[in-house]
Protein backbone atom coordinates (compact mmCIF):
# COMPACT_ATOMS: atom_id res chain seq x y z
CA UNK A 1 115.42 -47.85 11.09
CA UNK A 2 114.44 -48.67 14.60
CA UNK A 3 114.52 -44.98 15.38
CA UNK A 4 112.02 -44.24 12.62
CA UNK A 5 109.71 -46.95 13.83
CA UNK A 6 109.91 -45.59 17.36
CA UNK A 7 109.16 -42.07 16.13
CA UNK A 8 106.21 -43.35 14.13
CA UNK A 9 104.79 -45.17 17.12
CA UNK A 10 105.21 -42.10 19.26
CA UNK A 11 103.46 -39.99 16.65
CA UNK A 12 100.53 -42.38 16.43
CA UNK A 13 100.27 -42.46 20.21
CA UNK A 14 100.27 -38.66 20.38
CA UNK A 15 97.53 -38.50 17.75
CA UNK A 16 95.40 -41.01 19.64
CA UNK A 17 95.88 -39.10 22.89
CA UNK A 18 94.94 -35.85 21.26
CA UNK A 19 91.84 -37.37 19.65
CA UNK A 20 90.67 -38.92 22.92
CA UNK A 21 91.26 -35.76 24.89
CA UNK A 22 89.13 -33.51 22.64
CA UNK A 23 85.25 -33.92 22.46
CA UNK A 24 82.93 -31.75 20.37
CA UNK A 25 79.28 -31.92 21.46
CA UNK A 26 76.72 -30.80 18.82
CA UNK A 27 73.93 -28.30 19.58
CA UNK A 28 70.79 -29.67 21.33
CA UNK A 29 72.74 -32.67 22.58
CA UNK A 30 74.43 -33.62 25.85
CA UNK A 31 77.23 -36.12 26.58
CA UNK A 32 77.44 -38.11 29.80
CA UNK A 33 81.13 -38.52 30.84
CA UNK A 34 82.39 -41.25 33.14
CA UNK A 35 85.78 -41.20 34.81
CA UNK A 36 87.17 -44.57 35.57
CA UNK A 37 83.65 -46.07 35.17
CA UNK A 38 81.90 -43.55 37.37
CA UNK A 39 79.68 -40.64 36.37
CA UNK A 40 81.79 -37.54 36.16
CA UNK A 41 79.85 -34.81 34.44
CA UNK A 42 77.52 -33.93 31.57
CA UNK A 43 79.05 -32.07 28.68
CA UNK A 44 77.10 -29.21 27.15
CA UNK A 45 77.24 -28.36 23.44
CA UNK A 46 80.64 -27.16 22.28
CA UNK A 47 84.33 -28.16 22.65
CA UNK A 48 85.32 -30.12 25.75
CA UNK A 49 88.66 -31.63 26.94
CA UNK A 50 88.87 -35.09 28.40
CA UNK A 51 91.64 -36.98 30.17
CA UNK A 52 92.73 -39.70 27.79
CA UNK A 53 92.28 -43.24 29.05
CA UNK A 54 90.56 -41.87 32.20
CA UNK A 55 87.42 -40.08 30.98
CA UNK A 56 84.96 -41.79 28.70
CA UNK A 57 81.76 -40.57 27.03
CA UNK A 58 79.05 -42.98 28.14
CA UNK A 59 76.22 -41.74 25.89
CA UNK A 60 75.12 -38.77 23.85
CA UNK A 61 71.52 -37.75 24.53
CA UNK A 62 69.29 -35.73 22.13
CA UNK A 63 67.67 -32.90 24.05
CA UNK A 64 65.06 -32.03 21.38
CA UNK A 65 61.36 -33.00 21.63
CA UNK A 66 60.92 -36.43 20.14
CA UNK A 67 57.92 -38.20 18.63
CA UNK A 68 57.35 -41.91 18.99
CA UNK A 69 54.51 -43.72 17.19
CA UNK A 70 53.64 -47.06 18.66
CA UNK A 71 52.00 -49.83 16.60
CA UNK A 72 48.28 -50.58 17.21
CA UNK A 73 47.73 -52.20 20.56
CA UNK A 74 44.80 -54.60 21.15
CA UNK A 75 42.48 -53.16 23.82
CA UNK A 76 39.20 -54.58 25.17
CA UNK A 77 36.46 -52.06 25.93
CA UNK A 78 33.85 -52.21 28.69
CA UNK A 79 31.32 -53.81 26.30
CA UNK A 80 33.76 -56.67 25.53
CA UNK A 81 34.84 -55.48 22.11
CA UNK A 82 38.48 -55.72 21.04
CA UNK A 83 39.79 -52.72 19.21
CA UNK A 84 43.24 -51.71 18.02
CA UNK A 85 44.46 -48.28 19.19
CA UNK A 86 47.45 -46.56 17.64
CA UNK A 87 49.02 -43.86 19.84
CA UNK A 88 51.61 -41.12 19.34
CA UNK A 89 53.72 -39.78 22.29
CA UNK A 90 55.54 -36.43 22.28
CA UNK A 91 58.33 -36.25 24.94
CA UNK A 92 61.65 -34.52 25.71
CA UNK A 93 64.75 -35.48 27.79
CA UNK A 94 65.21 -32.98 30.54
CA UNK A 95 68.01 -34.73 32.51
CA UNK A 96 70.54 -36.75 30.45
CA UNK A 97 72.07 -38.35 33.56
CA UNK A 98 68.69 -39.78 34.67
CA UNK A 99 67.86 -40.85 31.13
CA UNK A 100 71.13 -42.84 31.09
CA UNK A 101 71.20 -44.16 34.64
CA UNK A 102 67.48 -44.06 35.59
CA UNK A 103 66.27 -46.66 33.09
CA UNK A 104 68.07 -49.00 30.77
CA UNK A 105 65.94 -48.10 27.70
CA UNK A 106 63.51 -45.23 28.18
CA UNK A 107 61.96 -45.73 24.72
CA UNK A 108 60.96 -49.30 25.44
CA UNK A 109 59.83 -48.40 28.93
CA UNK A 110 57.61 -45.58 27.62
CA UNK A 111 56.06 -47.93 25.04
CA UNK A 112 55.11 -50.49 27.65
CA UNK A 113 53.84 -47.83 30.02
CA UNK A 114 51.67 -46.32 27.30
CA UNK A 115 50.18 -49.71 26.42
CA UNK A 116 49.26 -50.61 30.00
CA UNK A 117 47.85 -47.18 30.78
CA UNK A 118 45.81 -47.16 27.56
CA UNK A 119 44.27 -50.53 28.40
CA UNK A 120 43.34 -49.33 31.87
CA UNK A 121 41.71 -46.14 30.60
CA UNK A 122 39.83 -47.64 27.61
CA UNK A 123 38.79 -50.72 29.61
CA UNK A 124 36.38 -48.57 31.57
CA UNK A 125 34.76 -47.10 28.47
CA UNK A 126 32.40 -48.50 25.88
CA UNK A 127 33.22 -48.48 22.20
CA UNK A 128 31.07 -45.42 21.58
CA UNK A 129 32.62 -43.69 24.59
CA UNK A 130 36.11 -44.49 23.35
CA UNK A 131 35.29 -43.17 19.89
CA UNK A 132 33.77 -39.95 21.15
CA UNK A 133 36.00 -39.40 24.20
CA UNK A 134 39.45 -39.17 22.69
CA UNK A 135 40.28 -35.91 24.44
CA UNK A 136 39.66 -37.46 27.84
CA UNK A 137 41.80 -40.51 26.98
CA UNK A 138 44.65 -38.28 25.79
CA UNK A 139 44.56 -36.23 28.98
CA UNK A 140 44.61 -39.28 31.25
CA UNK A 141 47.47 -40.89 29.29
CA UNK A 142 49.60 -37.74 29.42
CA UNK A 143 49.04 -37.33 33.16
CA UNK A 144 50.04 -40.93 33.93
CA UNK A 145 53.04 -40.94 31.59
CA UNK A 146 54.35 -37.58 32.75
CA UNK A 147 54.13 -38.61 36.40
CA UNK A 148 55.80 -41.97 35.79
CA UNK A 149 58.60 -40.84 33.47
CA UNK A 150 59.69 -37.96 35.70
CA UNK A 151 62.33 -40.04 37.51
CA UNK A 152 63.67 -41.08 34.11
CA UNK A 153 64.55 -37.52 33.24
CA UNK A 154 61.74 -37.29 30.67
CA UNK A 155 58.85 -34.83 30.18
CA UNK A 156 55.77 -36.03 28.24
CA UNK A 157 54.33 -33.08 26.33
CA UNK A 158 51.15 -34.74 25.02
CA UNK A 159 49.70 -38.06 23.94
CA UNK A 160 47.45 -38.43 20.90
CA UNK A 161 45.35 -41.40 19.80
CA UNK A 162 46.14 -41.83 16.16
CA UNK A 163 43.48 -44.38 15.25
CA UNK A 164 40.89 -46.69 16.83
CA UNK A 165 40.17 -49.68 14.63
CA UNK A 166 37.15 -51.81 15.71
CA UNK A 167 36.54 -55.23 14.12
CA UNK A 168 35.03 -55.43 10.65
CA UNK A 169 31.72 -56.81 11.95
CA UNK A 170 31.48 -53.95 14.42
CA UNK A 171 32.27 -51.47 11.68
CA UNK A 172 29.50 -52.92 9.53
CA UNK A 173 27.04 -52.73 12.44
CA UNK A 174 28.07 -49.17 13.16
CA UNK A 175 27.58 -48.21 9.55
CA UNK A 176 24.10 -49.72 9.52
CA UNK A 177 23.25 -48.00 12.78
CA UNK A 178 24.55 -44.70 11.48
CA UNK A 179 22.63 -45.18 8.25
CA UNK A 180 19.42 -45.94 10.16
CA UNK A 181 19.96 -42.94 12.41
CA UNK A 182 20.47 -40.67 9.44
CA UNK A 183 17.38 -42.08 7.72
CA UNK A 184 15.44 -41.48 10.93
CA UNK A 185 16.61 -37.89 11.11
CA UNK A 186 15.80 -37.45 7.41
CA UNK A 187 12.25 -38.77 7.99
CA UNK A 188 11.85 -36.51 11.02
CA UNK A 189 13.09 -33.48 9.10
CA UNK A 190 10.79 -34.36 6.18
CA UNK A 191 7.82 -34.66 8.55
CA UNK A 192 8.72 -31.34 10.18
CA UNK A 193 8.94 -29.71 6.76
CA UNK A 194 5.56 -31.12 5.70
CA UNK A 195 4.07 -29.99 9.01
CA UNK A 196 5.40 -26.46 8.58
CA UNK A 197 4.20 -26.46 4.97
CA UNK A 198 0.71 -27.62 6.01
CA UNK A 199 0.57 -24.95 8.71
CA UNK A 200 1.63 -22.25 6.25
CA UNK A 201 -0.91 -23.44 3.67
CA UNK A 202 -3.67 -23.53 6.29
CA UNK A 203 -2.79 -20.01 7.42
CA UNK A 204 -2.78 -18.82 3.81
CA UNK A 205 -6.17 -20.44 3.14
CA UNK A 206 -7.51 -18.92 6.35
CA UNK A 207 -6.40 -15.44 5.33
CA UNK A 208 -7.76 -15.98 1.80
CA UNK A 209 -11.15 -17.11 3.14
CA UNK A 210 -11.28 -14.16 5.52
CA UNK A 211 -10.50 -11.74 2.70
CA UNK A 212 -13.04 -13.47 0.43
CA UNK A 213 -15.69 -13.28 3.15
CA UNK A 214 -14.89 -9.58 3.68
CA UNK A 215 -15.20 -8.99 -0.06
CA UNK A 216 -18.53 -10.88 -0.25
CA UNK A 217 -19.75 -8.93 2.77
CA UNK A 218 -18.87 -5.59 1.16
CA UNK A 219 -20.38 -6.73 -2.15
CA UNK A 220 -23.61 -7.81 -0.38
CA UNK A 221 -23.77 -4.49 1.49
CA UNK A 222 -23.21 -2.49 -1.70
CA UNK A 223 -25.72 -4.67 -3.57
CA UNK A 224 -28.33 -4.20 -0.84
CA UNK A 225 -27.70 -0.45 -0.82
CA UNK A 226 -27.99 -0.29 -4.60
CA UNK A 227 -31.22 -2.35 -4.49
CA UNK A 228 -32.58 -0.07 -1.78
CA UNK A 229 -31.81 3.07 -3.76
CA UNK A 230 -33.23 1.46 -6.92
CA UNK A 231 -36.46 0.55 -5.12
CA UNK A 232 -36.69 4.05 -3.62
CA UNK A 233 -36.20 5.69 -7.01
CA UNK A 234 -38.63 3.26 -8.65
CA UNK A 235 -41.21 3.94 -5.93
CA UNK A 236 -40.70 7.68 -6.36
CA UNK A 237 -41.15 7.33 -10.10
CA UNK A 238 -44.29 5.21 -9.71
CA UNK A 239 -45.67 7.70 -7.19
CA UNK A 240 -44.99 10.59 -9.56
CA UNK A 241 -46.53 8.67 -12.49
CA UNK A 242 -49.64 7.74 -10.50
CA UNK A 243 -49.99 11.29 -9.25
CA UNK A 244 -49.65 12.72 -12.77
CA UNK A 245 -52.11 10.10 -14.08
CA UNK A 246 -54.59 10.99 -11.35
CA UNK A 247 -54.12 14.69 -12.11
CA UNK A 248 -54.71 14.03 -15.81
CA UNK A 249 -57.83 11.97 -15.12
CA UNK A 250 -59.12 14.59 -12.72
CA UNK A 251 -58.47 17.34 -15.27
CA UNK A 252 -60.13 15.28 -18.00
CA UNK A 253 -63.20 14.55 -15.85
CA UNK A 254 -63.38 18.19 -14.81
CA UNK A 255 -63.07 19.36 -18.43
CA UNK A 256 -65.75 16.91 -19.64
CA UNK A 257 -68.03 17.81 -16.75
CA UNK A 258 -67.62 21.53 -17.41
CA UNK A 259 -68.16 20.99 -21.15
CA UNK A 260 -71.33 19.03 -20.48
CA UNK A 261 -72.63 21.77 -18.20
CA UNK A 262 -71.73 24.49 -20.65
CA UNK A 263 -73.41 22.53 -23.48
CA UNK A 264 -76.69 22.26 -21.50
CA UNK A 265 -77.65 18.80 -22.83
CA UNK A 266 -81.37 17.91 -23.23
CA UNK A 267 -83.27 14.63 -23.47
CA UNK A 268 -82.44 14.25 -27.16
CA UNK A 269 -78.72 13.94 -26.43
CA UNK A 270 -79.42 11.41 -23.73
CA UNK A 271 -81.54 9.39 -26.16
CA UNK A 272 -78.75 9.44 -28.72
CA UNK A 273 -76.28 8.22 -26.13
CA UNK A 274 -78.75 5.51 -25.17
CA UNK A 275 -78.92 4.29 -28.79
CA UNK A 276 -75.11 4.16 -28.98
CA UNK A 277 -75.02 1.96 -25.88
CA UNK A 278 -77.40 -0.66 -27.28
CA UNK A 279 -74.83 -2.27 -29.66
CA UNK A 280 -72.43 -2.65 -26.78
CA UNK A 281 -75.07 -4.46 -24.79
CA UNK A 282 -75.59 -6.85 -27.69
CA UNK A 283 -71.89 -7.73 -27.96
CA UNK A 284 -70.77 -11.16 -26.73
CA UNK A 285 -71.47 -14.74 -27.79
CA UNK A 286 -73.59 -15.46 -24.72
CA UNK A 287 -76.18 -12.77 -25.50
CA UNK A 288 -79.12 -14.74 -27.03
CA UNK A 289 -82.13 -12.78 -25.77
CA UNK A 290 -82.68 -9.00 -25.89
CA UNK A 291 -84.87 -7.27 -23.39
CA UNK A 292 -86.24 -4.02 -24.77
CA UNK A 293 -87.24 -1.60 -22.00
CA UNK A 294 -90.59 0.15 -22.01
CA UNK A 295 -88.93 3.50 -22.38
CA UNK A 296 -87.49 2.51 -25.76
CA UNK A 297 -90.39 4.07 -27.66
CA UNK A 298 -90.01 7.31 -25.78
CA UNK A 299 -86.30 7.30 -26.63
CA UNK A 300 -87.17 6.87 -30.31
CA UNK A 301 -89.62 9.77 -30.11
CA UNK A 302 -86.95 11.89 -28.54
CA UNK A 303 -84.52 10.88 -31.26
CA UNK A 304 -87.03 11.83 -33.92
CA UNK A 305 -87.55 15.19 -32.32
CA UNK A 306 -83.77 15.66 -32.19
CA UNK A 307 -83.47 15.15 -35.94
CA UNK A 308 -86.05 17.89 -36.63
CA UNK A 309 -89.24 15.90 -37.03
CA UNK A 310 -92.55 17.73 -36.80
CA UNK A 311 -90.80 20.98 -37.71
CA UNK A 312 -88.78 21.02 -34.56
CA UNK A 313 -85.28 22.31 -34.24
CA UNK A 314 -82.51 19.69 -34.61
CA UNK A 315 -79.85 19.22 -31.88
CA UNK A 316 -77.17 19.61 -34.50
CA UNK A 317 -78.28 23.15 -35.24
CA UNK A 318 -76.08 25.43 -33.16
CA UNK A 319 -77.19 28.94 -32.43
CA UNK A 320 -74.69 31.62 -33.25
CA UNK A 321 -73.21 33.07 -30.13
CA UNK A 322 -72.13 36.51 -29.24
CA UNK A 323 -68.96 37.96 -30.60
CA UNK A 324 -67.31 37.89 -27.21
CA UNK A 325 -68.42 34.25 -26.52
CA UNK A 326 -70.28 35.22 -23.34
CA UNK A 327 -72.96 32.54 -23.75
CA UNK A 328 -70.54 29.83 -22.57
CA UNK A 329 -70.99 27.61 -25.68
CA UNK A 330 -68.75 29.27 -28.27
CA UNK A 331 -65.48 31.06 -27.95
CA UNK A 332 -64.66 29.33 -24.64
CA UNK A 333 -60.94 28.28 -24.48
CA UNK A 334 -59.61 25.48 -22.26
CA UNK A 335 -56.58 26.47 -20.22
CA UNK A 336 -54.04 23.58 -20.15
CA UNK A 337 -51.16 25.51 -18.69
CA UNK A 338 -51.03 23.75 -15.28
CA UNK A 339 -52.22 20.29 -16.33
CA UNK A 340 -48.80 18.65 -16.28
CA UNK A 341 -47.20 20.51 -13.41
CA UNK A 342 -45.46 18.14 -10.97
CA UNK A 343 -45.82 18.87 -7.26
CA UNK A 344 -43.11 16.42 -6.15
CA UNK A 345 -40.22 17.62 -3.93
CA UNK A 346 -37.16 18.89 -5.80
CA UNK A 347 -34.77 16.20 -6.93
CA UNK A 348 -31.87 17.96 -5.16
CA UNK A 349 -33.63 17.33 -1.82
CA UNK A 350 -33.81 13.57 -2.47
CA UNK A 351 -30.38 11.84 -2.01
CA UNK A 352 -31.66 8.77 -3.79
CA UNK A 353 -32.49 10.71 -6.97
CA UNK A 354 -29.03 12.26 -7.47
CA UNK A 355 -28.04 9.53 -9.93
CA UNK A 356 -31.33 9.87 -11.87
CA UNK A 357 -30.97 13.66 -11.98
CA UNK A 358 -27.39 13.37 -13.22
CA UNK A 359 -28.56 10.94 -15.93
CA UNK A 360 -31.18 13.43 -17.08
CA UNK A 361 -28.59 16.18 -17.25
CA UNK A 362 -26.07 13.98 -19.12
CA UNK A 363 -28.64 12.86 -21.73
CA UNK A 364 -29.95 16.42 -22.24
CA UNK A 365 -33.57 15.61 -21.32
CA UNK A 366 -35.67 18.42 -19.83
CA UNK A 367 -35.99 18.20 -16.09
CA UNK A 368 -39.50 19.07 -14.84
CA UNK A 369 -39.68 21.87 -12.31
CA UNK A 370 -40.02 20.67 -8.75
CA UNK A 371 -41.95 22.45 -6.04
CA UNK A 372 -41.99 21.56 -2.35
CA UNK A 373 -45.05 19.55 -1.37
CA UNK A 374 -47.78 20.99 0.72
CA UNK A 375 -49.35 18.95 3.48
CA UNK A 376 -53.06 18.17 3.07
CA UNK A 377 -55.39 19.57 5.77
CA UNK A 378 -55.81 17.42 8.81
CA UNK A 379 -59.06 16.53 10.54
CA UNK A 380 -61.04 15.95 7.33
CA UNK A 381 -61.75 19.65 6.81
CA UNK A 382 -62.41 21.37 3.53
CA UNK A 383 -59.50 21.64 1.15
CA UNK A 384 -57.78 24.98 0.93
CA UNK A 385 -58.80 27.32 -1.85
CA UNK A 386 -56.98 26.70 -5.07
CA UNK A 387 -55.93 29.11 -7.75
CA UNK A 388 -57.41 28.21 -11.08
CA UNK A 389 -55.16 28.96 -13.97
CA UNK A 390 -56.52 30.89 -16.91
CA UNK A 391 -57.66 33.90 -14.93
CA UNK A 392 -61.03 32.54 -13.75
CA UNK A 393 -62.53 33.73 -10.53
CA UNK A 394 -64.92 32.00 -8.19
CA UNK A 395 -68.29 33.15 -7.07
CA UNK A 396 -66.83 34.92 -4.09
CA UNK A 397 -64.71 37.08 -6.29
CA UNK A 398 -61.43 35.58 -5.04
CA UNK A 399 -59.12 34.15 -7.67
CA UNK A 400 -58.71 30.39 -7.76
CA UNK A 401 -62.33 29.47 -6.72
CA UNK A 402 -63.91 26.99 -9.19
CA UNK A 403 -67.56 27.33 -10.22
CA UNK A 404 -70.06 26.19 -7.66
CA UNK A 405 -71.47 23.57 -10.01
CA UNK A 406 -67.96 22.11 -10.79
CA UNK A 407 -67.03 18.88 -9.01
CA UNK A 408 -64.52 19.20 -6.21
CA UNK A 409 -61.42 16.99 -6.55
CA UNK A 410 -59.10 15.88 -3.75
CA UNK A 411 -56.27 16.41 -3.45
CA UNK A 412 -56.55 19.84 -5.07
CA UNK A 413 -54.43 20.72 -7.99
CA UNK A 414 -51.05 22.03 -6.98
CA UNK A 415 -50.75 19.65 -3.97
CA UNK A 416 -49.27 16.16 -3.95
CA UNK A 417 -51.81 13.34 -3.83
CA UNK A 418 -51.70 10.47 -1.43
CA UNK A 419 -50.64 7.10 -2.83
C-alpha cells in the first residue's frame, strides 16, 4: 500500500515536471522567460523547453497591431471653450522585453500620454480650428506618442480623433451661425442669378431693338424707293397725258382753222355767230341792263341778207363742187393718222416704267409705240420742217411743209413738248 502511494506521488511529480518543462507559444505572441527571477530570454512562437522550478514565463505579449479607444477627455480650447475629444490609438509591441520591463502598464501609460498631449495641442487652437484641423492634431499626437513610447518597446502607427463634442449651447450657436451663413450664400447666389438674368435680358432686348431698327430702316428705304418710283411713273404719265392733250388741242385748233379758211366765211357768218353770243351775254342773275351796240342794226341787215332777202343768195346754199373736190370745200378728207402718236421715249429705256410695262403686258392692253425724243432747236430759231401726214406738200414742194396760211404750232408734231 505504501508502495502504491509512493508510485502515485512519483507519477504526479513526473507529470508536473513534464508540464512545467514544456511551453507552447502561439503565433504572433512572445513569452518573456525569467530564470531564478532574472530575465533569461524571449520565446518565439512554437514549442520551447524550460527547466522546471528554475525557468518561469513572466508574461506573454501579443505582437499584433492593437487598437485602443479612450473615453472622451475634457479639453479647453484657446477661446476658453470646453470640449470632449474621443481618440483612437493604433500601436504595436516591437520589443516584448521592454514592454514588460520598461513600463509597468503600457496601456495606462499610453492613455495618460495621449490625454496630456491632446490637451497641449488643442489648447493652442480655437474651436473652429480644432474642428477643421483634425489632420494636424492627428499628426502631432502620433509624433509625440511614437517618440515617447519608443523606450517602452511600442510603435504608434497612427492616432485618430474619433469625435469632438462641444457644449450644447455652443452647438446651438454654431447651428445658427451655419444657418445664417447658408442663408447669406443663398441670397448672394440668388442676387447673382438675378443679375445674370437681367444682363441676359438686356442683351436680348438690345439685339431685338437693333434688329427692329434695321428692319424699320430697310422698310423706310424700300418705302422711299417705291414712293420715288411711283412719283416718277406718275410724273411720266402726267407728262405724256399733258403732251397728248396739247397735241390734240393743237390738232383741233389747226383743223378748225384750216376748215374756216377753206370755208371762206363772209360777214353773214360772223353776224350769225354774233347773234348766238348774245344769249350768253344775257345769262346770269346780275345782268339787269343790256347795252345794244350801234352795229347791231348792221348785223341784222347782214343776217337778213344771209337768209336770202332781197333776192340774194343764202349762206346755206352750197355750190356744187368739182368731181375731184379741187375747190377745197367739198371732197376734202381730214387725215387723223398721226393725231395720237406718242413721242415719249420707249418704256424699255425707262427703268422706272418696267413695272407699268409688265402690267400692260399681263393685262393684255395695247402698248403704244414709243419713239426716241428729239431735242427742240436751241437759240430760239425756227422749228425744223415737219412731215405732214396725208401726203400734203408745202409751197416749196418739199413734203411735210404746212400751208403758208396755217398757224405754226410749237413744239411741232412728232417732237416731245416741254412741260
